[in-house]
Amino acid sequence: MASLRDQQSHQRLQVIHCLCKLKIWSDCCRYCGTGNSFDKRVCERVALLLAGAKRMDFSSNAQKRQIRARLQAGLALLDERDKQLAQVKNSCDLLVRGIGVHHGGMLQLLREMVELLFADGLLSVIFATETFAVGLNMPAKSVIFTDVVKFDGRIRRALNSGEFRQMSGRAGRRGLDLRGHVYVMLHSAKILREPTATVLEQLYTEEPAEVRSCYRVRWSYLLHLISAGPAHLYTMLGRSLQRLTDPYASSKLQQEATRMVKVLQELDFVDESGATLPKGTLACHLFVPEDALLVANVLIALRGFAGLSAAQSFAICASFVAEGAIAERWKISDGSVREGVRTCNRVAEELAVTLHSHSVPCCNKCGLLTQSRCDGSVMVKTRVNPKLCETAFQWASGQDFTSAVLSSGVAIGGEGIVARALRRLDELMREVTFVLRHDLGSPEAAQRIQEARLLARRGVLAAPSAYLGATEDRVAEEIEPEPPWPRQSFATGYEGCLDPLDIGFSQQSCAANFPQSPVPHGPESVLDFAKALKDGSVLPAHVKPIEIYWFRHRFYSLDNRRLAAFRLWRLSEEDARVPVKVLNRSQALNKHWLKKFSTGFTGGHCAFVAGAAIGTRQPKRVGHAPSHLDGSSRVRRSAAIQASPRWHCSSTPPKCKQTRARHRRGIQGAAEQFTLGDVL
């Protein structure tokens, strides 16, 4: 209780200092200023106090008329009951007096109205959180910091110099002010534990913080990478900024990704080869929730909401999108919803046990991150938050927004939090509708939820953006299914001929030379082999068939160099065909094809061929392949490269200094390459 009273007195002190500064402004001159606070509650306290301070008025009669007209037009689509919300009434009263309040707990429409009025010069003062100062280009004559301490999601800390400069840099309007003014209030001496002069000096003189990679592998992201081909995961991890800035952290990230893949295999989301199973495909369609694995398991445990109404389904799913700390005591009037929330808790605990068995943290507050013990209750509190379940149930049952807010128990000023959660819930239910219809085969439940979604998109949630106006709302529609994909045209074991352009590369790059010529005493390079096919010195019938495998709606090659040669020949001969043999799944897996597959994002339409006899691993892209194999300067350049000295490429360069120099020159000259593009 003592700490709570200290915190409240600290907030009151901030408000009093801000009001004193405003009193100085109103007595002296009309300023355009921004008050930056790092607490939504402080901003809302200021709003409530200013609502009663009628003498704080910064707008002229002409400005008042303009503001009232803008507010009347902006709030026209709100229900009359919604216009009586305390936040709407207080905000409108302050805006007419030239004062704005802007924070994440406000309704989106009100925040946008504040931004537009301030940009047009109709507001003189704004009390805002850092989102307004950092994310929006809204300069002001003066900027006030109510404190220089913020909560970053984990701890309360002082601002770094980059954050301070970004926000204080809003002071001074180009073409209007000779100079800008920045006022800093220091109230957190107990937190900073440093002299005031030292704190200010650090804010102004410290070097900007080093750019660090915050790259994380989330479950949805992981599943999408694996569904395109298991090799894509480590390809993307290798391209992370973290690999360049912190190799140790990058190595840990790859190890964690490997453990996460094992979790997916144990939970039957992917098989042992890395291919996505039906359960994994279901989870790939869930983007809104923080943990797609949890929601997918809950959908299966509840049998696709069988026997539940649409309102009950909404209420259960609301536990995945609620923001803020979990409520210790929560009230749910419907018994089926209570039982559904208990199922969510049970599934979360079981999932946490599986994650911990593979040393994978269950959430961002897991004890494994701090080398301590963690049980499933931490994941339950982090991932399942039932405080808005009753609100969602009432809203989906047809209750108005004001009553839904009152049932949520949020404090005054938090109406925007409820609206944002209901919007996220609407997006989640859109994805759930798709899953029920196309993955779980339950069109009746999908239709019930879709009809409830359309009825729930009303009032505050349906209010158009103040920026975009009444634009077409595509989100209200169901997610369209994927177009019908082509089916496998040739059965397993088929041996015949195909157009080379109908076969995709299974890897992003391949070497320029064959280990052994595809025909006895034939050319050993891809380019020379393509020329031999063109001039007829090599017949396709004499070439060993290319092994292909049907995956993700098309055939892919297991022999990329031979396919590259036939692709080059196909660019000059429309009737060119390549001999093929269709493999079954076990044959492809025995050749470790799926683990090397890395062209799922491009469909195998193109590949890089290192134009070097030395086989350099860092080819340089110079463009698409020429349309003619002879008479092209690019082909002549590639042929010249093939004639360069054949230096052996190894992981370590030659020890001799002169040999190393020739080795580098060989790599630079051999870095020229050609790109085999799909001309379709």
Foldseek 3Di string as FASTA:
>chain_A
DVVVVVVVVLLVVLLVVVVVVLVVDVVPHQWQEEEEEQDLVSLVVNLVVVLPVVVQARADPVLLVVLVVLLCVQCVQFDPVVCPAPLNVSQSSQLSRQEHEAELLDQQSSNLSVVVCQQVVSHRYYYYYLCCQQVDLRATQEYEYSEQWHDPPDDIDGDALVSLCSRRVSHDDPPPDPGHYYHYDHDPCVRVVDDPVVSVCRNHDPDDDDDADPDADAPLNLLVQLQLFNQSVVVVLCVGPCCVVPVVVSVVRVVLSVLVLVLCCVVQQAHPLSHGDLLVVLLNLFDLFRHSVLVSVLCVVCLNVPPHFLLLVLLLLLQRQQDDFADPDADAPDPVSVVSLVSSLVSQQVSCVSCVVSLHASDPPACSVVVDHGGSVVSSRVRGHNLLSNLSSCLLVPHDLVVSVVNSPDDRSNSNSNLVSVLSSLLRLLSSLVCVVPRSPNNVNSVRNLVSSVSSCGRSNVSDHPVPHPDDDPSSDHDDDDPDFDDDPDDAFDKDKDQLQQEAEQAQEDEQFAPDDQAPPADGGLLRLLVCCQVVVDDLVRGDAFEWEDGPRGIYTPDRSPSSSQLLNCLQPVPGIHIHHYHYDVVCVVVVSSNRGNCSVPRRQKHWYQLALQRDPQADEDEADDSDSPPDPLNVLSVVRHVPDRDHDDPDQDPDPVSSVVVVVNCVSRSYTHMRGNPD
